[in-house]
Every structure is written in structure tokens, then in C-alpha cells.
Protein backbone atom coordinates (compact mmCIF):
# COMPACT_ATOMS: atom_id res chain seq x y z
CA ASP A 1 236.11 213.60 251.64
CA THR A 2 234.06 210.38 251.34
CA GLY A 3 230.74 212.20 251.63
CA GLU A 4 231.58 214.54 248.77
CA LYS A 5 232.76 211.64 246.62
CA GLU A 6 229.50 209.77 247.22
CA LYS A 7 227.49 212.89 246.33
CA ALA A 8 229.45 213.28 243.11
CA GLU A 9 228.95 209.60 242.22
CA LYS A 10 225.19 209.87 242.84
CA LEU A 11 224.99 213.03 240.77
CA LEU A 12 226.89 211.43 237.88
CA SER A 13 224.70 208.34 238.09
CA ALA A 14 221.55 210.45 237.96
CA TYR A 15 222.96 212.42 235.05
CA GLU A 16 223.81 209.18 233.25
CA ASP A 17 220.21 207.97 233.67
CA ARG A 18 218.87 211.31 232.44
CA MET A 19 221.09 211.38 229.35
CA ASN A 20 220.14 207.80 228.47
CA ALA A 21 216.45 208.73 228.75
CA LEU A 22 216.96 211.78 226.53
CA ILE A 23 218.82 209.71 223.94
CA ARG A 24 215.92 207.25 223.85
CA ARG A 25 213.49 210.13 223.38
CA CYS A 26 215.57 212.10 220.83
CA PRO A 27 218.23 209.81 219.34
CA GLU A 28 219.09 212.34 216.63
CA LEU A 29 220.34 214.99 219.11
CA LEU A 30 224.08 214.42 219.25
CA LEU A 31 224.59 216.71 222.22
CA TYR A 32 223.07 214.09 224.52
CA TYR A 33 225.58 211.49 223.33
CA GLN A 34 228.41 213.96 223.91
CA TYR A 35 227.25 214.71 227.44
CA LEU A 36 226.81 211.02 228.21
CA GLY A 37 230.29 210.30 226.87
CA LEU A 38 231.70 212.92 229.24
CA VAL A 39 229.74 211.45 232.15
CA TYR A 40 231.09 207.98 231.39
CA GLN A 41 234.60 209.36 231.17
CA SER A 42 234.17 211.12 234.53
CA GLN A 43 233.01 207.83 236.01
CA GLY A 44 236.06 206.00 234.68
CA LYS A 45 233.95 204.01 232.20
CA ALA A 46 236.32 204.36 229.26
CA ASP A 47 234.79 201.59 227.13
CA GLN A 48 231.28 202.98 227.53
CA ALA A 49 232.49 206.50 226.75
CA GLU A 50 234.07 205.25 223.53
CA SER A 51 231.00 203.23 222.62
CA ILE A 52 228.53 206.09 223.01
CA MET A 53 230.75 208.49 221.10
CA GLU A 54 231.21 205.93 218.33
CA LYS A 55 227.42 205.84 218.01
CA ALA A 56 227.29 209.64 217.80
CA TYR A 57 230.05 209.64 215.20
CA GLN A 58 228.17 207.04 213.13
CA ILE A 59 225.07 209.22 213.21
CA ASN A 60 226.98 212.23 211.91
CA PRO A 61 230.61 211.60 210.91
CA SER A 62 230.99 215.17 209.66
CA ASP A 63 230.30 216.71 213.09
CA ILE A 64 233.63 218.09 214.27
CA MET A 65 232.67 217.98 217.96
CA ASN A 66 231.92 214.23 217.78
CA TYR A 67 235.17 213.69 215.94
CA GLN A 68 237.22 215.68 218.45
CA ILE A 69 235.69 214.00 221.50
CA LEU A 70 236.16 210.53 220.01
CA ARG A 71 239.72 211.38 218.98
CA GLN A 72 240.50 212.54 222.52
CA LEU A 73 238.95 209.40 224.02
CA TYR A 74 240.99 207.13 221.77
CA ALA A 75 244.18 209.02 222.63
CA TYR A 76 243.40 209.05 226.36
CA ASN A 77 242.56 205.34 226.34
CA LYS A 78 245.71 204.61 224.32
CA ASN A 79 243.63 203.01 221.58
CA GLY A 80 246.14 203.72 218.82
CA GLU A 81 244.64 201.55 216.11
CA LYS A 82 241.22 203.18 216.38
CA LEU A 83 242.82 206.62 216.70
CA LEU A 84 244.81 206.23 213.48
CA LYS A 85 241.80 204.93 211.56
CA LEU A 86 239.58 207.74 212.83
CA ILE A 87 242.07 210.47 211.92
CA ASN A 88 242.82 208.98 208.50
CA ASP A 89 239.11 208.66 207.72
CA TRP A 90 238.48 212.22 208.92
CA LEU A 91 241.31 213.60 206.79
CA LYS A 92 239.85 212.02 203.65
CA ASP A 93 236.86 214.36 203.97
CA ASN A 94 238.68 217.19 205.77
CA PRO A 95 242.12 217.40 204.14
CA ASN A 96 242.74 220.94 205.41
CA ASP A 97 242.46 219.98 209.09
CA GLU A 98 246.02 220.85 210.08
CA GLN A 99 245.51 219.97 213.75
CA SER A 100 244.50 216.41 212.89
CA ARG A 101 247.37 216.12 210.44
CA ARG A 102 249.84 217.23 213.15
CA ILE A 103 248.38 214.74 215.64
CA LEU A 104 248.64 211.97 213.06
CA ASP A 105 252.24 212.89 212.18
CA SER A 106 253.18 213.09 215.85
CA TYR A 107 251.60 209.73 216.63
CA GLN A 108 253.23 208.04 213.66
CA ASN A 109 256.64 209.49 214.58
CA GLN A 110 256.37 207.93 218.05
CA LYS A 111 256.25 204.43 216.57
């Protein structure tokens, strides 16, 4: 239904504005970046979703939630080069992360 789609788009747009305002007010709170990344992804703004999650990851590269969201975005967007670098970098500091190791092995076996 067109009316429902327009409502959803307006709601996502308002949420995007709100998350951007919260990030400006409290740039250290990673949860706002994560929410904004999900909003961008819902809007089909893949590049912006990646960009905001890259910022969150730079703020705290040891945060597993940031890592997982960014990893999923790279995989979804078929950004293999960035995906491989992210996983390899993560595994340097988190060598016991078996899930990431399996994803890396699986991805490398596809090539």
C-alpha cells in the first residue's frame, strides 16, 4: 500500500534526523551510530550505512556489536575487500573468534 510505504519512509526519515542529532550531542555513544546504520540500511542507503558504522568502529574497534554490524554490511553489500580486511584485523586481536574464522575461511574458499 502506497500510504503505508510513505508513512514508513517519513518515520525512517524522522528517525534518521533524530539519530544524527543524538550523535552530534553525544558522539561517544556507539548505540546511536548502530541505530543510524540500521536506519540507513532500511532506507537502502548502503554507502551511508557503511560509512556511519565505519565511524563507530573507529571510535571503538574492540566493540563486538560494531564489528558484527559492519561485517554484515560489508557482506550484504558484497564489499569483499573491506570484509576480508575487517575480519583479518579483528582476528589479530580476537584470535579465538571461531565464527569470524569460519566466515573468513568460507569467503576465501569461494574465490
